[in-house]
Protein backbone atom coordinates (compact mmCIF):
# COMPACT_ATOMS: atom_id res chain seq x y z
CA MET A 1 -6.29 -9.62 -12.17
CA ALA A 2 -8.37 -12.76 -12.58
CA GLN A 3 -6.27 -14.54 -9.97
CA GLU A 4 -7.99 -15.42 -6.72
CA ARG A 5 -6.74 -13.56 -3.68
CA ARG A 6 -5.34 -15.91 -1.04
CA LEU A 7 -5.43 -13.47 1.85
CA LYS A 8 -8.36 -11.36 2.98
CA ARG A 9 -7.91 -7.66 2.30
CA ARG A 10 -8.07 -5.41 5.33
CA HIS A 11 -9.25 -1.82 5.07
CA LEU A 12 -7.57 0.68 7.38
CA ILE A 13 -9.04 3.62 9.23
CA TYR A 14 -6.15 5.75 7.90
CA TYR A 15 -5.26 6.46 4.28
CA LEU A 16 -1.50 6.17 4.67
CA ARG A 17 0.68 7.81 2.04
CA VAL A 18 2.99 5.62 -0.06
CA PHE A 19 5.94 7.29 -1.79
CA ASP A 20 8.38 6.32 -4.52
CA HIS A 21 11.61 6.20 -2.50
CA GLU A 22 13.80 7.10 -5.48
CA THR A 23 11.92 10.24 -6.57
CA GLY A 24 10.05 11.19 -3.40
CA ALA A 25 6.84 11.40 -5.45
CA LEU A 26 3.57 10.38 -3.84
CA LEU A 27 2.38 7.14 -5.47
CA GLY A 28 -0.95 7.16 -3.67
CA HIS A 29 -2.89 6.54 -0.49
CA LEU A 30 -3.19 3.05 0.96
CA VAL A 31 -6.78 1.82 0.85
CA ASP A 32 -6.41 -1.82 1.76
CA VAL A 33 -3.58 -4.24 2.39
CA THR A 34 -2.55 -7.85 2.88
CA ALA A 35 0.91 -9.28 3.59
CA GLU A 36 1.23 -9.87 -0.17
CA GLY A 37 -0.25 -6.75 -1.71
CA MET A 38 -2.04 -3.45 -1.41
CA MET A 39 -4.40 -1.14 -3.23
CA LEU A 40 -3.67 2.54 -3.59
CA VAL A 41 -5.85 5.42 -4.72
CA CYS A 42 -3.70 7.59 -6.96
CA GLU A 43 -4.03 10.97 -8.64
CA THR A 44 -2.36 9.72 -11.83
CA PRO A 45 -2.41 6.30 -13.51
CA ILE A 46 0.36 3.85 -12.63
CA ARG A 47 1.86 1.78 -15.43
CA GLU A 48 1.08 -1.92 -15.03
CA GLY A 49 4.27 -3.92 -14.52
CA ALA A 50 6.20 -0.95 -13.10
CA THR A 51 8.19 -1.77 -9.95
CA PHE A 52 8.81 0.83 -7.27
CA SER A 53 11.01 1.12 -4.23
CA CYS A 54 8.37 2.34 -1.77
CA THR A 55 8.34 4.01 1.60
CA MET A 56 5.30 4.37 3.81
CA GLY A 57 4.95 6.36 7.00
CA MET A 58 3.02 4.63 9.76
CA PRO A 59 1.12 6.02 12.73
CA SER A 60 3.00 5.81 15.99
CA ALA A 61 2.37 6.71 19.60
CA ALA A 62 6.03 7.75 19.79
CA GLN A 63 7.19 11.19 18.69
CA GLU A 64 9.52 9.75 16.07
CA PRO A 65 7.78 8.69 12.85
CA ILE A 66 7.97 5.06 11.76
CA THR A 67 8.61 4.27 8.11
CA MET A 68 8.76 0.99 6.27
CA SER A 69 10.46 0.30 2.97
CA PHE A 70 9.59 -2.34 0.40
CA ALA A 71 9.49 -3.08 -3.31
CA ALA A 72 6.10 -3.28 -4.98
CA ARG A 73 4.99 -4.03 -8.55
CA CYS A 74 1.83 -2.57 -10.06
CA VAL A 75 -0.33 -5.46 -11.32
CA TRP A 76 -3.37 -3.44 -12.38
CA CYS A 77 -4.61 0.14 -12.60
CA LYS A 78 -8.06 1.47 -13.50
CA LYS A 79 -10.26 4.52 -12.96
CA ASP A 80 -11.52 4.71 -9.39
CA LEU A 81 -15.20 5.09 -8.48
CA ASN A 82 -14.35 8.77 -8.15
CA PRO A 83 -13.37 9.58 -11.77
CA ASP A 84 -10.78 12.12 -10.56
CA PHE A 85 -8.61 9.27 -9.22
CA TYR A 86 -7.19 5.87 -10.15
CA ALA A 87 -7.15 2.63 -8.17
CA ALA A 88 -3.99 0.55 -8.50
CA GLY A 89 -3.20 -2.91 -7.17
CA PHE A 90 0.35 -3.73 -6.14
CA LYS A 91 2.13 -6.97 -5.29
CA ILE A 92 4.64 -6.53 -2.48
CA ASP A 93 7.82 -8.13 -3.79
CA ASN A 94 10.36 -7.51 -1.07
CA MET A 95 9.68 -6.61 2.56
CA SER A 96 11.89 -7.35 5.54
CA GLN A 97 10.53 -9.52 8.34
CA PRO A 98 10.49 -6.60 10.83
CA ASP A 99 8.45 -4.55 8.33
CA LEU A 100 6.11 -7.51 7.72
CA ASP A 101 5.61 -7.69 11.49
CA SER A 102 4.94 -3.93 11.60
CA LEU A 103 2.45 -4.29 8.75
CA ALA A 104 0.63 -7.08 10.58
CA ASN A 105 0.53 -4.89 13.70
CA LEU A 106 -0.78 -1.98 11.62
CA VAL A 107 -3.61 -4.08 10.22
CA GLU A 108 -4.46 -5.43 13.66
CA THR A 109 -4.41 -2.00 15.30
CA PHE A 110 -5.89 0.21 12.57
CA GLY A 111 -7.90 -2.22 10.45
CA PHE A 112 -11.66 -2.26 10.37
CA GLN A 113 -12.96 -5.23 12.31
CA ASP A 114 -15.22 -7.57 10.31
């Protein structure tokens, strides 16, 4: 956790839900994101070092929902400012180029402007 972040985190106007693809369980809600990682707010603690096959639904103007899939590894987890929740940082380990492009578009379209 002491590592310096290379990319600026972007906060989104939506708290998108991120699921464990294998179990269907909700991992948490996306709070901020870069092309290399993300932070989720979770109802239960996530074990540091655990790797998940994730799916995330994305907002779309089309009727058909857009989902992206990727692998992510939990690098830290701690109590959130709201003590009923946990904040967890994930490193994105494997995302296809089309999904990386969709993520960049998501940040551009739904990210708070600095």
